[in-house]
């Protein structure tokens, strides 16, 4: 999601073990981006946003990201708001950082107060 990541290995590991650990860490970042990116129409988040008003089962990664974001929004009285994607897009923050292509998501305007999450 256009974030610079540095990974430092603490301790002494063989180069092979270090390489595997680094690959796993970058794999985790890739999995989060695949699930949570609003710049990829195929992401799980964008598929979820297209189902407003319908209960949808989501992956543990997306569920935890949404649960945490909504909790922080409510605790901060809305100072942190994870539902600003459509407003940001309308103000020009709408390009995929990798491709430069504009996204044209058909996002509804909703707030963190009308998002319901339920753990099954």
N, C-alpha and C. Protein backbone atom coordinates (compact mmCIF):
# COMPACT_ATOMS: atom_id res chain seq x y z
N UNK A 1 0.83 -1.18 0.00
CA UNK A 1 0.00 0.00 0.00
C UNK A 1 0.88 1.24 0.00
N UNK A 2 1.92 1.17 -0.77
CA UNK A 2 2.87 2.26 -0.95
C UNK A 2 3.54 2.64 0.36
N UNK A 3 3.98 1.63 1.08
CA UNK A 3 4.67 1.83 2.34
C UNK A 3 6.07 1.24 2.24
N UNK A 4 7.05 1.99 2.70
CA UNK A 4 8.42 1.50 2.72
C UNK A 4 8.59 0.64 3.97
N UNK A 5 9.12 -0.54 3.80
CA UNK A 5 9.29 -1.47 4.91
C UNK A 5 10.76 -1.86 5.02
N UNK A 6 11.30 -1.79 6.22
CA UNK A 6 12.64 -2.27 6.50
C UNK A 6 12.52 -3.43 7.48
N UNK A 7 13.24 -4.48 7.24
CA UNK A 7 13.20 -5.63 8.13
C UNK A 7 14.62 -5.87 8.64
N UNK A 8 14.76 -5.84 9.95
CA UNK A 8 16.03 -6.15 10.59
C UNK A 8 15.88 -7.49 11.30
N UNK A 9 16.84 -8.36 11.11
CA UNK A 9 16.84 -9.66 11.78
C UNK A 9 17.63 -9.52 13.08
N UNK A 10 16.98 -9.84 14.18
CA UNK A 10 17.66 -9.80 15.48
C UNK A 10 18.23 -11.18 15.77
N UNK A 11 19.44 -11.22 16.21
CA UNK A 11 20.07 -12.50 16.52
C UNK A 11 20.84 -13.03 15.33
N UNK A 12 21.40 -14.19 15.53
CA UNK A 12 22.22 -14.81 14.49
C UNK A 12 21.47 -16.00 13.92
N UNK A 13 21.17 -15.89 12.66
CA UNK A 13 20.50 -16.98 11.95
C UNK A 13 21.30 -17.30 10.70
N UNK A 14 21.11 -18.48 10.20
CA UNK A 14 21.77 -18.81 8.94
C UNK A 14 21.15 -17.97 7.83
N UNK A 15 21.91 -17.70 6.77
CA UNK A 15 21.35 -16.92 5.66
C UNK A 15 20.05 -17.53 5.11
N UNK A 16 19.96 -18.84 5.07
CA UNK A 16 18.74 -19.48 4.55
C UNK A 16 17.55 -19.19 5.45
N UNK A 17 17.75 -19.29 6.77
CA UNK A 17 16.66 -19.03 7.72
C UNK A 17 16.27 -17.55 7.68
N UNK A 18 17.26 -16.68 7.59
CA UNK A 18 16.97 -15.24 7.47
C UNK A 18 16.14 -14.98 6.22
N UNK A 19 16.56 -15.57 5.11
CA UNK A 19 15.84 -15.37 3.85
C UNK A 19 14.40 -15.84 3.94
N UNK A 20 14.18 -16.98 4.57
CA UNK A 20 12.82 -17.50 4.74
C UNK A 20 11.97 -16.57 5.62
N UNK A 21 12.58 -16.06 6.69
CA UNK A 21 11.86 -15.15 7.59
C UNK A 21 11.48 -13.86 6.86
N UNK A 22 12.40 -13.33 6.09
CA UNK A 22 12.12 -12.11 5.33
C UNK A 22 11.04 -12.37 4.30
N UNK A 23 11.12 -13.49 3.60
CA UNK A 23 10.09 -13.83 2.60
C UNK A 23 8.71 -13.95 3.26
N UNK A 24 8.64 -14.58 4.46
CA UNK A 24 7.37 -14.70 5.18
C UNK A 24 6.83 -13.33 5.56
N UNK A 25 7.71 -12.44 6.02
CA UNK A 25 7.27 -11.09 6.41
C UNK A 25 6.72 -10.33 5.21
N UNK A 26 7.44 -10.37 4.10
CA UNK A 26 6.93 -9.67 2.92
C UNK A 26 5.68 -10.34 2.37
N UNK A 27 5.57 -11.65 2.54
CA UNK A 27 4.35 -12.35 2.16
C UNK A 27 3.16 -11.87 2.96
N UNK A 28 3.38 -11.60 4.25
CA UNK A 28 2.32 -11.07 5.11
C UNK A 28 1.86 -9.70 4.61
N UNK A 29 2.81 -8.81 4.30
CA UNK A 29 2.45 -7.49 3.78
C UNK A 29 1.67 -7.63 2.48
N UNK A 30 2.07 -8.54 1.63
CA UNK A 30 1.36 -8.77 0.38
C UNK A 30 -0.07 -9.26 0.62
N UNK A 31 -0.24 -10.16 1.58
CA UNK A 31 -1.57 -10.68 1.91
C UNK A 31 -2.48 -9.57 2.44
N UNK A 32 -1.93 -8.70 3.29
CA UNK A 32 -2.72 -7.58 3.81
C UNK A 32 -3.12 -6.65 2.68
N UNK A 33 -2.19 -6.34 1.79
CA UNK A 33 -2.52 -5.45 0.67
C UNK A 33 -3.56 -6.08 -0.24
N UNK A 34 -3.44 -7.37 -0.51
CA UNK A 34 -4.42 -8.05 -1.36
C UNK A 34 -5.81 -7.99 -0.76
N UNK A 35 -5.90 -8.07 0.56
CA UNK A 35 -7.20 -8.05 1.22
C UNK A 35 -7.73 -6.64 1.42
N UNK A 36 -6.86 -5.68 1.70
CA UNK A 36 -7.31 -4.39 2.22
C UNK A 36 -7.12 -3.19 1.29
N UNK A 37 -6.63 -3.36 0.09
CA UNK A 37 -6.36 -2.22 -0.78
C UNK A 37 -7.63 -1.67 -1.42
N UNK A 38 -7.80 -0.36 -1.37
CA UNK A 38 -8.92 0.24 -2.09
C UNK A 38 -8.52 0.62 -3.52
N UNK A 39 -7.27 0.38 -3.87
CA UNK A 39 -6.79 0.70 -5.20
C UNK A 39 -6.82 -0.49 -6.15
N UNK A 40 -7.31 -1.61 -5.68
CA UNK A 40 -7.38 -2.82 -6.49
C UNK A 40 -8.82 -3.30 -6.48
N UNK A 41 -9.48 -3.22 -7.63
CA UNK A 41 -10.89 -3.60 -7.72
C UNK A 41 -11.12 -5.06 -7.32
N UNK A 42 -10.08 -5.87 -7.41
CA UNK A 42 -10.22 -7.28 -7.07
C UNK A 42 -9.94 -7.56 -5.60
N UNK A 43 -9.59 -6.53 -4.82
CA UNK A 43 -9.27 -6.77 -3.41
C UNK A 43 -10.53 -7.16 -2.65
N UNK A 44 -10.32 -7.86 -1.57
CA UNK A 44 -11.44 -8.29 -0.74
C UNK A 44 -12.20 -7.08 -0.19
N UNK A 45 -11.48 -6.03 0.18
CA UNK A 45 -12.13 -4.82 0.68
C UNK A 45 -13.07 -4.23 -0.36
N UNK A 46 -12.61 -4.14 -1.60
CA UNK A 46 -13.46 -3.55 -2.64
C UNK A 46 -14.66 -4.43 -2.94
N UNK A 47 -14.49 -5.74 -2.87
CA UNK A 47 -15.65 -6.63 -3.05
C UNK A 47 -16.63 -6.44 -1.90
N UNK A 48 -16.11 -6.25 -0.69
CA UNK A 48 -16.97 -6.01 0.47
C UNK A 48 -17.74 -4.70 0.30
N UNK A 49 -17.05 -3.66 -0.14
CA UNK A 49 -17.70 -2.35 -0.32
C UNK A 49 -18.81 -2.40 -1.36
N UNK A 50 -18.74 -3.34 -2.26
CA UNK A 50 -19.77 -3.47 -3.30
C UNK A 50 -21.01 -4.20 -2.79
N UNK A 51 -21.02 -4.61 -1.54
CA UNK A 51 -22.15 -5.38 -1.01
C UNK A 51 -22.80 -4.66 0.17
N UNK A 52 -22.92 -3.35 0.08
CA UNK A 52 -23.52 -2.57 1.16
C UNK A 52 -24.92 -3.09 1.44
N UNK A 53 -25.21 -3.29 2.72
CA UNK A 53 -26.53 -3.75 3.13
C UNK A 53 -26.68 -5.26 3.17
N UNK A 54 -25.60 -5.97 2.84
CA UNK A 54 -25.64 -7.43 2.81
C UNK A 54 -24.58 -7.98 3.75
N UNK A 55 -24.93 -8.98 4.53
CA UNK A 55 -23.93 -9.64 5.36
C UNK A 55 -22.98 -10.42 4.47
N UNK A 56 -21.69 -10.29 4.75
CA UNK A 56 -20.67 -10.94 3.93
C UNK A 56 -19.63 -11.57 4.85
N UNK A 57 -19.27 -12.80 4.58
CA UNK A 57 -18.18 -13.46 5.32
C UNK A 57 -16.87 -12.99 4.69
N UNK A 58 -15.92 -12.59 5.55
CA UNK A 58 -14.63 -12.09 5.06
C UNK A 58 -13.49 -12.88 5.71
N UNK A 59 -12.31 -12.71 5.16
CA UNK A 59 -11.13 -13.38 5.68
C UNK A 59 -10.77 -12.83 7.06
N UNK A 60 -10.02 -13.60 7.83
CA UNK A 60 -9.56 -13.10 9.13
C UNK A 60 -8.74 -11.81 9.02
N UNK A 61 -7.96 -11.67 7.97
CA UNK A 61 -7.15 -10.45 7.81
C UNK A 61 -8.04 -9.23 7.66
N UNK A 62 -9.01 -9.30 6.77
CA UNK A 62 -9.89 -8.15 6.56
C UNK A 62 -10.77 -7.92 7.78
N UNK A 63 -11.26 -8.98 8.38
CA UNK A 63 -12.11 -8.82 9.57
C UNK A 63 -11.37 -8.08 10.67
N UNK A 64 -10.15 -8.50 10.97
CA UNK A 64 -9.39 -7.86 12.04
C UNK A 64 -9.04 -6.42 11.68
N UNK A 65 -8.71 -6.15 10.43
CA UNK A 65 -8.40 -4.77 10.01
C UNK A 65 -9.62 -3.88 10.18
N UNK A 66 -10.78 -4.36 9.76
CA UNK A 66 -12.00 -3.56 9.89
C UNK A 66 -12.39 -3.41 11.36
N UNK A 67 -12.33 -4.49 12.10
CA UNK A 67 -12.69 -4.41 13.53
C UNK A 67 -11.80 -3.39 14.25
N UNK A 68 -10.50 -3.44 14.01
CA UNK A 68 -9.58 -2.50 14.64
C UNK A 68 -9.86 -1.07 14.20
N UNK A 69 -10.06 -0.86 12.91
CA UNK A 69 -10.31 0.49 12.39
C UNK A 69 -11.59 1.09 12.96
N UNK A 70 -12.63 0.29 13.06
CA UNK A 70 -13.89 0.79 13.62
C UNK A 70 -13.74 1.07 15.11
N UNK A 71 -13.02 0.23 15.82
CA UNK A 71 -12.79 0.46 17.26
C UNK A 71 -12.03 1.77 17.47
N UNK A 72 -10.99 2.01 16.68
CA UNK A 72 -10.22 3.25 16.83
C UNK A 72 -11.08 4.45 16.45
N UNK A 73 -11.89 4.32 15.42
CA UNK A 73 -12.77 5.42 15.03
C UNK A 73 -13.73 5.78 16.16
N UNK A 74 -14.29 4.78 16.78
CA UNK A 74 -15.25 5.04 17.86
C UNK A 74 -14.54 5.58 19.10
N UNK A 75 -13.37 5.03 19.43
CA UNK A 75 -12.62 5.52 20.59
C UNK A 75 -12.12 6.95 20.39
N UNK A 76 -11.84 7.32 19.15
CA UNK A 76 -11.32 8.66 18.87
C UNK A 76 -12.44 9.66 18.59
N UNK A 77 -13.68 9.23 18.72
CA UNK A 77 -14.80 10.14 18.43
C UNK A 77 -14.85 10.54 16.97
N UNK A 78 -14.31 9.71 16.11
CA UNK A 78 -14.33 9.99 14.67
C UNK A 78 -13.11 10.74 14.16
N UNK A 79 -12.16 11.08 15.04
CA UNK A 79 -10.94 11.76 14.57
C UNK A 79 -10.19 10.87 13.59
N UNK A 80 -10.19 9.56 13.84
CA UNK A 80 -9.70 8.58 12.88
C UNK A 80 -10.93 8.01 12.20
N UNK A 81 -10.97 8.04 10.87
CA UNK A 81 -12.17 7.58 10.17
C UNK A 81 -11.78 6.71 8.98
N UNK A 82 -11.99 5.41 9.09
CA UNK A 82 -11.62 4.51 8.00
C UNK A 82 -12.60 4.54 6.83
N UNK A 83 -13.64 5.34 6.91
CA UNK A 83 -14.66 5.35 5.87
C UNK A 83 -14.54 6.53 4.92
N UNK A 84 -13.37 7.12 4.82
CA UNK A 84 -13.22 8.33 4.00
C UNK A 84 -12.78 8.04 2.57
N UNK A 85 -12.76 6.78 2.17
CA UNK A 85 -12.27 6.42 0.83
C UNK A 85 -12.97 7.15 -0.30
N UNK A 86 -14.29 7.21 -0.27
CA UNK A 86 -15.03 7.89 -1.35
C UNK A 86 -14.73 9.38 -1.37
N UNK A 87 -14.61 9.99 -0.20
CA UNK A 87 -14.28 11.42 -0.14
C UNK A 87 -12.87 11.68 -0.65
N UNK A 88 -11.94 10.80 -0.29
CA UNK A 88 -10.57 10.95 -0.77
C UNK A 88 -10.51 10.79 -2.29
N UNK A 89 -11.25 9.82 -2.79
CA UNK A 89 -11.30 9.60 -4.23
C UNK A 89 -11.86 10.83 -4.94
N UNK A 90 -12.93 11.41 -4.40
CA UNK A 90 -13.54 12.59 -5.00
C UNK A 90 -12.60 13.79 -5.01
N UNK A 91 -11.65 13.79 -4.09
CA UNK A 91 -10.69 14.90 -4.01
C UNK A 91 -9.38 14.61 -4.75
N UNK A 92 -9.37 13.54 -5.53
CA UNK A 92 -8.23 13.27 -6.39
C UNK A 92 -7.26 12.22 -5.91
N UNK A 93 -7.46 11.67 -4.73
CA UNK A 93 -6.58 10.60 -4.24
C UNK A 93 -7.13 9.30 -4.78
N UNK A 94 -6.88 9.09 -6.07
CA UNK A 94 -7.55 7.98 -6.76
C UNK A 94 -6.66 7.26 -7.77
N UNK A 95 -5.38 7.25 -7.54
CA UNK A 95 -4.47 6.57 -8.46
C UNK A 95 -3.77 5.40 -7.77
N UNK A 96 -3.70 4.30 -8.48
CA UNK A 96 -2.96 3.15 -8.00
C UNK A 96 -1.49 3.51 -8.03
N UNK A 97 -0.81 3.37 -6.91
CA UNK A 97 0.59 3.80 -6.84
C UNK A 97 1.50 2.96 -7.72
N UNK A 98 1.11 1.74 -8.03
CA UNK A 98 1.96 0.89 -8.87
C UNK A 98 1.77 1.17 -10.35
N UNK A 99 0.53 1.35 -10.76
CA UNK A 99 0.23 1.48 -12.19
C UNK A 99 -0.02 2.90 -12.63
N UNK A 100 -0.39 3.78 -11.71
CA UNK A 100 -0.76 5.14 -12.07
C UNK A 100 -2.18 5.25 -12.59
N UNK A 101 -2.86 4.12 -12.73
CA UNK A 101 -4.23 4.14 -13.24
C UNK A 101 -5.18 4.68 -12.18
N UNK A 102 -6.15 5.45 -12.65
CA UNK A 102 -7.16 5.98 -11.74
C UNK A 102 -8.13 4.87 -11.36
N UNK A 103 -8.51 4.88 -10.11
CA UNK A 103 -9.54 3.95 -9.68
C UNK A 103 -10.87 4.66 -9.82
N UNK A 104 -11.87 3.91 -10.11
CA UNK A 104 -13.21 4.48 -10.23
C UNK A 104 -14.16 3.60 -9.44
N UNK A 105 -13.92 3.54 -8.16
CA UNK A 105 -14.76 2.72 -7.30
C UNK A 105 -16.10 3.39 -7.14
N UNK A 106 -17.13 2.60 -7.09
CA UNK A 106 -18.47 3.11 -6.88
C UNK A 106 -18.77 3.00 -5.40
N UNK A 107 -18.05 3.81 -4.60
CA UNK A 107 -18.16 3.71 -3.15
C UNK A 107 -19.32 4.54 -2.64
N UNK A 108 -20.04 3.97 -1.71
CA UNK A 108 -21.11 4.69 -1.02
C UNK A 108 -20.48 5.56 0.07
N UNK A 109 -21.17 6.59 0.43
CA UNK A 109 -20.74 7.39 1.56
C UNK A 109 -21.41 6.80 2.80
N UNK A 110 -20.63 6.26 3.68
CA UNK A 110 -21.14 5.74 4.94
C UNK A 110 -20.14 6.11 6.01
N UNK A 111 -20.51 5.91 7.25
CA UNK A 111 -19.64 6.30 8.34
C UNK A 111 -19.34 5.10 9.22
N UNK A 112 -18.36 5.28 10.08
CA UNK A 112 -18.00 4.17 10.97
C UNK A 112 -19.13 3.85 11.95
N UNK A 113 -20.12 4.71 12.08
CA UNK A 113 -21.21 4.44 13.02
C UNK A 113 -22.28 3.52 12.43
N UNK A 114 -22.27 3.34 11.11
CA UNK A 114 -23.29 2.44 10.54
C UNK A 114 -22.68 1.20 9.89
N UNK A 115 -21.50 0.83 10.33
CA UNK A 115 -20.87 -0.42 9.91
C UNK A 115 -21.04 -1.42 11.05
N UNK A 116 -21.56 -2.56 10.73
CA UNK A 116 -21.74 -3.60 11.74
C UNK A 116 -20.80 -4.76 11.44
N UNK A 117 -20.14 -5.24 12.48
CA UNK A 117 -19.30 -6.42 12.33
C UNK A 117 -19.74 -7.46 13.36
N UNK A 118 -19.66 -8.69 12.97
CA UNK A 118 -20.06 -9.78 13.85
C UNK A 118 -19.12 -10.94 13.66
N UNK A 119 -18.55 -11.40 14.75
CA UNK A 119 -17.66 -12.55 14.69
C UNK A 119 -18.48 -13.82 14.87
N UNK A 120 -18.32 -14.72 13.93
CA UNK A 120 -19.08 -15.98 14.01
C UNK A 120 -18.25 -17.09 14.60
